[in-house]
Amino acid sequence: MTEYELFVDVEFADRRGMRGTTLTGQIEVQPLKLEELQAKAVNKEELLVELRDPATLESFKARVVIASKRDELPEADTLWLIRTSGRFSEPWAVKIVERVEEQEPEVTALPRRRLSLAERKGSILSELLKQREEKMKAEKEKGQQKE
């Protein structure tokens, strides 16, 4: 059985950046208060939470069913609830229904800009010579294409 951690303290979630706006394509998980979690655990409701694997420190979002006692969910994994004051003394049970995969936002490269004279400093002479050679090469190619 695998162990997972769930942060239930709202202040801790704020510091981790779990609240607020999200990027496009990402799923927002609202931090749960302990009272809400206990109510949903009694009803065996499906929740969307962010779990952390303490062995690898990997965080992931998942749809889960939680129970406050290990006997209530057979073949479930161990869930440790964590607050800013520390871990709870008794583990809960968690059954992962589905791991929610997020779409990675597309990354585009910014166009390179030419460096200013001040940024070039010591290499300015070699850069100017390279630019001159490139210009001459381009002009030579244009001349050959016209002929």
N, C-alpha and C. Protein backbone atom coordinates (compact mmCIF):
# COMPACT_ATOMS: atom_id res chain seq x y z
N MET A 1 0.84 -1.19 0.00
CA MET A 1 0.00 0.00 0.00
C MET A 1 0.88 1.25 0.00
N THR A 2 0.46 2.20 -0.76
CA THR A 2 1.20 3.44 -0.90
C THR A 2 0.70 4.47 0.09
N GLU A 3 1.60 5.34 0.51
CA GLU A 3 1.21 6.43 1.41
C GLU A 3 1.15 7.73 0.61
N TYR A 4 0.14 8.54 0.94
CA TYR A 4 -0.02 9.85 0.33
C TYR A 4 -0.27 10.87 1.42
N GLU A 5 -0.03 12.12 1.09
CA GLU A 5 -0.28 13.23 2.02
C GLU A 5 -1.27 14.19 1.39
N LEU A 6 -2.13 14.77 2.24
CA LEU A 6 -3.11 15.75 1.79
C LEU A 6 -3.06 16.93 2.74
N PHE A 7 -2.86 18.11 2.20
CA PHE A 7 -2.81 19.34 3.01
C PHE A 7 -4.22 19.87 3.20
N VAL A 8 -4.64 20.01 4.45
CA VAL A 8 -6.00 20.45 4.73
C VAL A 8 -6.04 21.83 5.35
N ASP A 9 -4.90 22.44 5.55
CA ASP A 9 -4.85 23.75 6.18
C ASP A 9 -4.88 24.82 5.11
N VAL A 10 -5.84 25.71 5.15
CA VAL A 10 -6.02 26.72 4.12
C VAL A 10 -4.81 27.65 4.04
N GLU A 11 -4.25 28.02 5.19
CA GLU A 11 -3.10 28.92 5.18
C GLU A 11 -1.92 28.28 4.47
N PHE A 12 -1.73 26.98 4.68
CA PHE A 12 -0.62 26.28 4.04
C PHE A 12 -0.83 26.24 2.53
N ALA A 13 -2.05 26.00 2.12
CA ALA A 13 -2.37 25.95 0.69
C ALA A 13 -2.12 27.29 0.03
N ASP A 14 -2.43 28.40 0.73
CA ASP A 14 -2.19 29.72 0.18
C ASP A 14 -0.70 29.93 -0.08
N ARG A 15 0.12 29.46 0.84
CA ARG A 15 1.56 29.64 0.68
C ARG A 15 2.12 28.79 -0.44
N ARG A 16 1.52 27.66 -0.72
CA ARG A 16 1.99 26.79 -1.79
C ARG A 16 1.52 27.27 -3.15
N GLY A 17 0.67 28.30 -3.18
CA GLY A 17 0.19 28.83 -4.45
C GLY A 17 -0.93 28.02 -5.06
N MET A 18 -1.69 27.30 -4.24
CA MET A 18 -2.77 26.46 -4.77
C MET A 18 -4.05 27.24 -4.97
N ARG A 19 -4.13 28.45 -4.47
CA ARG A 19 -5.35 29.24 -4.62
C ARG A 19 -5.14 30.33 -5.66
N GLY A 20 -6.24 30.84 -6.16
CA GLY A 20 -6.15 31.99 -7.07
C GLY A 20 -6.32 31.58 -8.50
N THR A 21 -5.73 32.36 -9.39
CA THR A 21 -5.92 32.12 -10.81
C THR A 21 -5.10 30.93 -11.28
N THR A 22 -5.56 30.32 -12.35
CA THR A 22 -4.84 29.19 -12.92
C THR A 22 -4.48 29.50 -14.36
N LEU A 23 -3.51 28.77 -14.86
CA LEU A 23 -3.14 28.91 -16.26
C LEU A 23 -4.15 28.17 -17.11
N THR A 24 -4.22 28.49 -18.35
CA THR A 24 -5.16 27.84 -19.25
C THR A 24 -4.82 26.36 -19.34
N GLY A 25 -5.84 25.52 -19.28
CA GLY A 25 -5.63 24.09 -19.39
C GLY A 25 -5.32 23.40 -18.07
N GLN A 26 -5.17 24.15 -17.00
CA GLN A 26 -4.88 23.54 -15.71
C GLN A 26 -6.15 23.51 -14.87
N ILE A 27 -6.23 22.51 -14.03
CA ILE A 27 -7.39 22.32 -13.18
C ILE A 27 -7.09 22.90 -11.81
N GLU A 28 -8.00 23.73 -11.33
CA GLU A 28 -7.79 24.36 -10.03
C GLU A 28 -8.38 23.48 -8.93
N VAL A 29 -7.60 23.29 -7.87
CA VAL A 29 -8.03 22.52 -6.72
C VAL A 29 -8.13 23.47 -5.54
N GLN A 30 -9.32 23.59 -5.00
CA GLN A 30 -9.52 24.44 -3.83
C GLN A 30 -9.10 23.67 -2.58
N PRO A 31 -8.36 24.29 -1.68
CA PRO A 31 -7.97 23.60 -0.45
C PRO A 31 -9.19 23.31 0.42
N LEU A 32 -9.17 22.17 1.07
CA LEU A 32 -10.30 21.75 1.89
C LEU A 32 -10.05 22.05 3.36
N LYS A 33 -11.12 22.41 4.06
CA LYS A 33 -11.05 22.53 5.50
C LYS A 33 -11.32 21.15 6.07
N LEU A 34 -10.82 20.91 7.26
CA LEU A 34 -10.97 19.60 7.88
C LEU A 34 -12.44 19.21 8.05
N GLU A 35 -13.29 20.18 8.39
CA GLU A 35 -14.71 19.90 8.60
C GLU A 35 -15.37 19.43 7.29
N GLU A 36 -15.03 20.10 6.18
CA GLU A 36 -15.57 19.71 4.88
C GLU A 36 -15.12 18.30 4.52
N LEU A 37 -13.85 18.02 4.76
CA LEU A 37 -13.29 16.73 4.43
C LEU A 37 -13.96 15.61 5.23
N GLN A 38 -14.20 15.85 6.51
CA GLN A 38 -14.87 14.84 7.34
C GLN A 38 -16.29 14.58 6.86
N ALA A 39 -17.00 15.63 6.48
CA ALA A 39 -18.38 15.46 5.98
C ALA A 39 -18.39 14.66 4.69
N LYS A 40 -17.47 14.93 3.79
CA LYS A 40 -17.42 14.21 2.52
C LYS A 40 -16.94 12.77 2.71
N ALA A 41 -16.10 12.54 3.72
CA ALA A 41 -15.61 11.19 4.00
C ALA A 41 -16.74 10.31 4.53
N VAL A 42 -17.63 10.88 5.34
CA VAL A 42 -18.76 10.11 5.89
C VAL A 42 -19.68 9.66 4.75
N ASN A 43 -19.92 10.55 3.78
CA ASN A 43 -20.82 10.25 2.66
C ASN A 43 -20.13 9.49 1.53
N LYS A 44 -18.83 9.28 1.64
CA LYS A 44 -18.03 8.60 0.61
C LYS A 44 -18.15 9.31 -0.74
N GLU A 45 -18.12 10.63 -0.70
CA GLU A 45 -18.21 11.43 -1.93
C GLU A 45 -16.87 11.42 -2.66
N GLU A 46 -16.95 11.54 -3.96
CA GLU A 46 -15.75 11.64 -4.78
C GLU A 46 -15.25 13.09 -4.73
N LEU A 47 -13.95 13.26 -4.50
CA LEU A 47 -13.36 14.60 -4.37
C LEU A 47 -12.24 14.78 -5.39
N LEU A 48 -12.00 16.01 -5.76
CA LEU A 48 -10.84 16.35 -6.57
C LEU A 48 -9.85 17.03 -5.63
N VAL A 49 -8.72 16.38 -5.38
CA VAL A 49 -7.73 16.90 -4.44
C VAL A 49 -6.34 16.83 -5.05
N GLU A 50 -5.40 17.53 -4.41
CA GLU A 50 -4.00 17.43 -4.81
C GLU A 50 -3.29 16.62 -3.74
N LEU A 51 -2.81 15.46 -4.12
CA LEU A 51 -2.09 14.58 -3.21
C LEU A 51 -0.59 14.71 -3.43
N ARG A 52 0.16 14.33 -2.40
CA ARG A 52 1.61 14.33 -2.52
C ARG A 52 2.13 12.97 -2.10
N ASP A 53 3.04 12.43 -2.86
CA ASP A 53 3.69 11.17 -2.53
C ASP A 53 4.93 11.51 -1.71
N PRO A 54 4.97 11.17 -0.40
CA PRO A 54 6.10 11.57 0.43
C PRO A 54 7.41 10.89 0.04
N ALA A 55 7.34 9.75 -0.65
CA ALA A 55 8.56 9.07 -1.06
C ALA A 55 9.29 9.82 -2.17
N THR A 56 8.52 10.35 -3.12
CA THR A 56 9.13 11.06 -4.26
C THR A 56 8.91 12.56 -4.23
N LEU A 57 8.05 13.03 -3.32
CA LEU A 57 7.66 14.45 -3.20
C LEU A 57 6.95 14.94 -4.46
N GLU A 58 6.37 14.03 -5.21
CA GLU A 58 5.60 14.38 -6.40
C GLU A 58 4.19 14.76 -5.98
N SER A 59 3.69 15.87 -6.50
CA SER A 59 2.30 16.28 -6.26
C SER A 59 1.51 16.05 -7.54
N PHE A 60 0.29 15.57 -7.36
CA PHE A 60 -0.57 15.34 -8.52
C PHE A 60 -2.02 15.50 -8.09
N LYS A 61 -2.85 15.82 -9.08
CA LYS A 61 -4.29 15.97 -8.83
C LYS A 61 -4.97 14.64 -9.13
N ALA A 62 -5.97 14.32 -8.31
CA ALA A 62 -6.66 13.04 -8.49
C ALA A 62 -8.08 13.13 -7.98
N ARG A 63 -8.93 12.30 -8.55
CA ARG A 63 -10.29 12.10 -8.03
C ARG A 63 -10.19 10.93 -7.06
N VAL A 64 -10.63 11.17 -5.84
CA VAL A 64 -10.46 10.17 -4.78
C VAL A 64 -11.73 10.00 -3.96
N VAL A 65 -11.78 8.89 -3.25
CA VAL A 65 -12.78 8.64 -2.23
C VAL A 65 -11.99 8.48 -0.93
N ILE A 66 -12.42 9.21 0.11
CA ILE A 66 -11.68 9.24 1.37
C ILE A 66 -12.56 8.69 2.49
N ALA A 67 -11.92 7.99 3.41
CA ALA A 67 -12.59 7.51 4.63
C ALA A 67 -11.70 7.83 5.82
N SER A 68 -12.34 8.18 6.93
CA SER A 68 -11.57 8.56 8.12
C SER A 68 -10.98 7.35 8.83
N LYS A 69 -11.50 6.15 8.55
CA LYS A 69 -10.97 4.93 9.16
C LYS A 69 -10.55 3.96 8.06
N ARG A 70 -9.47 3.26 8.29
CA ARG A 70 -8.92 2.35 7.28
C ARG A 70 -9.88 1.19 6.98
N ASP A 71 -10.71 0.80 7.96
CA ASP A 71 -11.62 -0.34 7.76
C ASP A 71 -12.73 -0.03 6.76
N GLU A 72 -13.07 1.23 6.60
CA GLU A 72 -14.21 1.61 5.76
C GLU A 72 -13.95 1.46 4.27
N LEU A 73 -12.68 1.53 3.86
CA LEU A 73 -12.33 1.37 2.44
C LEU A 73 -11.35 0.20 2.29
N PRO A 74 -11.85 -0.97 1.89
CA PRO A 74 -10.92 -2.09 1.72
C PRO A 74 -9.99 -1.84 0.54
N GLU A 75 -8.79 -2.35 0.65
CA GLU A 75 -7.76 -2.23 -0.39
C GLU A 75 -7.44 -0.77 -0.73
N ALA A 76 -7.53 0.10 0.25
CA ALA A 76 -7.23 1.52 0.02
C ALA A 76 -5.80 1.81 0.46
N ASP A 77 -5.28 2.92 -0.03
CA ASP A 77 -3.95 3.37 0.36
C ASP A 77 -4.04 4.21 1.63
N THR A 78 -2.89 4.48 2.22
CA THR A 78 -2.83 5.27 3.45
C THR A 78 -2.78 6.75 3.09
N LEU A 79 -3.54 7.55 3.80
CA LEU A 79 -3.58 9.00 3.59
C LEU A 79 -3.27 9.70 4.91
N TRP A 80 -2.24 10.51 4.89
CA TRP A 80 -1.89 11.32 6.06
C TRP A 80 -2.36 12.73 5.81
N LEU A 81 -3.16 13.26 6.73
CA LEU A 81 -3.60 14.64 6.66
C LEU A 81 -2.55 15.50 7.32
N ILE A 82 -2.26 16.64 6.69
CA ILE A 82 -1.20 17.51 7.18
C ILE A 82 -1.72 18.92 7.34
N ARG A 83 -1.39 19.52 8.44
CA ARG A 83 -1.65 20.94 8.72
C ARG A 83 -0.31 21.62 8.91
N THR A 84 -0.34 22.93 9.09
CA THR A 84 0.91 23.65 9.35
C THR A 84 1.53 23.20 10.66
N SER A 85 0.72 22.71 11.59
CA SER A 85 1.24 22.25 12.88
C SER A 85 1.83 20.84 12.78
N GLY A 86 1.62 20.13 11.68
CA GLY A 86 2.19 18.80 11.50
C GLY A 86 1.17 17.78 11.03
N ARG A 87 1.61 16.52 11.03
CA ARG A 87 0.78 15.40 10.61
C ARG A 87 -0.24 15.04 11.68
N PHE A 88 -1.39 14.56 11.24
CA PHE A 88 -2.36 14.03 12.19
C PHE A 88 -1.82 12.71 12.74
N SER A 89 -2.28 12.33 13.92
CA SER A 89 -1.74 11.14 14.56
C SER A 89 -2.25 9.84 13.93
N GLU A 90 -3.46 9.85 13.39
CA GLU A 90 -4.04 8.65 12.79
C GLU A 90 -4.15 8.80 11.28
N PRO A 91 -3.73 7.78 10.52
CA PRO A 91 -3.89 7.86 9.07
C PRO A 91 -5.32 7.60 8.64
N TRP A 92 -5.70 8.13 7.49
CA TRP A 92 -6.99 7.91 6.88
C TRP A 92 -6.79 6.94 5.72
N ALA A 93 -7.87 6.61 5.05
CA ALA A 93 -7.79 5.73 3.87
C ALA A 93 -8.18 6.54 2.64
N VAL A 94 -7.53 6.25 1.54
CA VAL A 94 -7.82 6.93 0.29
C VAL A 94 -7.80 5.92 -0.85
N LYS A 95 -8.80 6.02 -1.71
CA LYS A 95 -8.86 5.19 -2.90
C LYS A 95 -8.85 6.12 -4.10
N ILE A 96 -7.81 6.01 -4.90
CA ILE A 96 -7.68 6.88 -6.07
C ILE A 96 -8.54 6.32 -7.19
N VAL A 97 -9.53 7.10 -7.60
CA VAL A 97 -10.43 6.71 -8.68
C VAL A 97 -9.78 6.99 -10.02
N GLU A 98 -9.20 8.19 -10.14
CA GLU A 98 -8.59 8.60 -11.40
C GLU A 98 -7.53 9.65 -11.13
N ARG A 99 -6.40 9.49 -11.77
CA ARG A 99 -5.36 10.52 -11.73
C ARG A 99 -5.66 11.52 -12.83
N VAL A 100 -5.75 12.79 -12.48
CA VAL A 100 -6.11 13.82 -13.45
C VAL A 100 -4.83 14.38 -14.06
N GLU A 101 -4.70 14.17 -15.36
CA GLU A 101 -3.53 14.68 -16.08
C GLU A 101 -3.86 16.07 -16.63
N GLU A 102 -2.94 16.97 -16.45
CA GLU A 102 -3.13 18.33 -16.93
C GLU A 102 -2.42 18.52 -18.25
N GLN A 103 -2.99 19.37 -19.09
CA GLN A 103 -2.34 19.70 -20.35
C GLN A 103 -1.27 20.73 -20.09
N GLU A 104 -0.10 20.49 -20.61
CA GLU A 104 0.99 21.44 -20.47
C GLU A 104 0.76 22.60 -21.43
N PRO A 105 0.91 23.85 -20.95
CA PRO A 105 0.74 24.97 -21.87
C PRO A 105 1.86 24.98 -22.90
N GLU A 106 1.51 25.38 -24.13
CA GLU A 106 2.49 25.42 -25.20
C GLU A 106 3.46 26.56 -24.98
N VAL A 107 4.72 26.28 -25.16
CA VAL A 107 5.77 27.27 -24.94
C VAL A 107 6.31 27.71 -26.29
N THR A 108 6.40 29.01 -26.48
CA THR A 108 6.98 29.54 -27.72
C THR A 108 8.22 30.35 -27.38
N ALA A 109 9.22 30.23 -28.23
CA ALA A 109 10.46 30.95 -28.01
C ALA A 109 10.29 32.40 -28.44
N LEU A 110 10.88 33.29 -27.68
CA LEU A 110 10.84 34.70 -28.02
C LEU A 110 11.89 34.97 -29.09
N PRO A 111 11.65 35.93 -29.98
CA PRO A 111 12.65 36.24 -31.00
C PRO A 111 13.88 36.86 -30.34
N ARG A 112 15.04 36.51 -30.90
CA ARG A 112 16.28 37.07 -30.35
C ARG A 112 16.42 38.51 -30.82
N ARG A 113 16.86 39.34 -29.94
CA ARG A 113 17.07 40.72 -30.31
C ARG A 113 18.57 40.99 -30.41
N ARG A 114 18.91 41.99 -31.18
CA ARG A 114 20.33 42.36 -31.31
C ARG A 114 20.78 43.05 -30.04
N LEU A 115 21.98 42.72 -29.61
CA LEU A 115 22.53 43.33 -28.41
C LEU A 115 22.95 44.76 -28.71
N SER A 116 22.81 45.61 -27.71
CA SER A 116 23.25 47.00 -27.87
C SER A 116 24.77 47.05 -27.74
N LEU A 117 25.34 48.20 -28.10
CA LEU A 117 26.80 48.35 -28.00
C LEU A 117 27.29 48.15 -26.57
N ALA A 118 26.54 48.63 -25.60
CA ALA A 118 26.95 48.49 -24.20
C ALA A 118 26.94 47.03 -23.76
N GLU A 119 26.02 46.24 -24.30
CA GLU A 119 25.94 44.84 -23.92
C GLU A 119 27.04 44.00 -24.58
N ARG A 120 27.57 44.47 -25.70
CA ARG A 120 28.59 43.71 -26.41
C ARG A 120 29.96 43.83 -25.76
N LYS A 121 30.28 44.96 -25.21
CA LYS A 121 31.54 45.26 -24.51
C LYS A 121 32.76 44.75 -25.26
N GLY A 122 33.49 43.78 -24.70
CA GLY A 122 34.79 43.35 -25.24
C GLY A 122 34.72 42.62 -26.56
N SER A 123 33.60 42.06 -26.92
CA SER A 123 33.53 41.28 -28.14
C SER A 123 32.98 42.09 -29.31
N ILE A 124 32.94 43.40 -29.19
CA ILE A 124 32.30 44.23 -30.22
C ILE A 124 33.04 44.16 -31.56
N LEU A 125 34.36 44.15 -31.53
CA LEU A 125 35.11 44.13 -32.77
C LEU A 125 34.86 42.84 -33.55
N SER A 126 34.92 41.71 -32.86
CA SER A 126 34.70 40.43 -33.56
C SER A 126 33.26 40.32 -34.06
N GLU A 127 32.30 40.83 -33.32
CA GLU A 127 30.90 40.79 -33.75
C GLU A 127 30.68 41.68 -34.96
N LEU A 128 31.28 42.87 -34.97
CA LEU A 128 31.14 43.76 -36.13
C LEU A 128 31.77 43.15 -37.37
N LEU A 129 32.91 42.46 -37.22
CA LEU A 129 33.54 41.80 -38.36
C LEU A 129 32.66 40.68 -38.90
N LYS A 130 32.03 39.91 -37.99
CA LYS A 130 31.14 38.83 -38.41
C LYS A 130 29.94 39.39 -39.16
N GLN A 131 29.38 40.50 -38.66
CA GLN A 131 28.24 41.12 -39.32
C GLN A 131 28.63 41.60 -40.72
N ARG A 132 29.82 42.16 -40.83
CA ARG A 132 30.29 42.67 -42.12
C ARG A 132 30.47 41.52 -43.11
N GLU A 133 31.04 40.40 -42.63
CA GLU A 133 31.22 39.24 -43.50
C GLU A 133 29.88 38.67 -43.95
N GLU A 134 28.91 38.61 -43.04
CA GLU A 134 27.58 38.11 -43.38
C GLU A 134 26.91 39.01 -44.42
N LYS A 135 27.08 40.32 -44.26
CA LYS A 135 26.51 41.27 -45.23
C LYS A 135 27.14 41.07 -46.60
N MET A 136 28.46 40.95 -46.63
CA MET A 136 29.16 40.79 -47.91
C MET A 136 28.75 39.47 -48.57
N LYS A 137 28.60 38.43 -47.77
CA LYS A 137 28.20 37.13 -48.29
C LYS A 137 26.79 37.21 -48.89
N ALA A 138 25.89 37.90 -48.19
CA ALA A 138 24.51 38.05 -48.67
C ALA A 138 24.49 38.84 -49.98
N GLU A 139 25.30 39.91 -50.05
CA GLU A 139 25.34 40.72 -51.27
C GLU A 139 25.91 39.91 -52.44
N LYS A 140 26.90 39.09 -52.14
CA LYS A 140 27.53 38.26 -53.19
C LYS A 140 26.52 37.27 -53.73
N GLU A 141 25.71 36.66 -52.84
CA GLU A 141 24.69 35.71 -53.26
C GLU A 141 23.62 36.38 -54.11
N LYS A 142 23.26 37.62 -53.73
CA LYS A 142 22.27 38.37 -54.52
C LYS A 142 22.79 38.65 -55.91
N GLY A 143 24.09 38.98 -55.99
CA GLY A 143 24.71 39.27 -57.29
C GLY A 143 24.75 38.04 -58.17
N GLN A 144 24.99 36.87 -57.58
CA GLN A 144 25.04 35.63 -58.35
C GLN A 144 23.65 35.22 -58.83
N GLN A 145 22.62 35.52 -58.02
CA GLN A 145 21.26 35.18 -58.40
C GLN A 145 20.78 36.04 -59.56
N LYS A 146 21.24 37.29 -59.66
CA LYS A 146 20.81 38.18 -60.74
C LYS A 146 21.40 37.73 -62.07
N GLU A 147 22.59 37.16 -62.03
CA GLU A 147 23.25 36.77 -63.28
C GLU A 147 22.72 35.54 -63.86
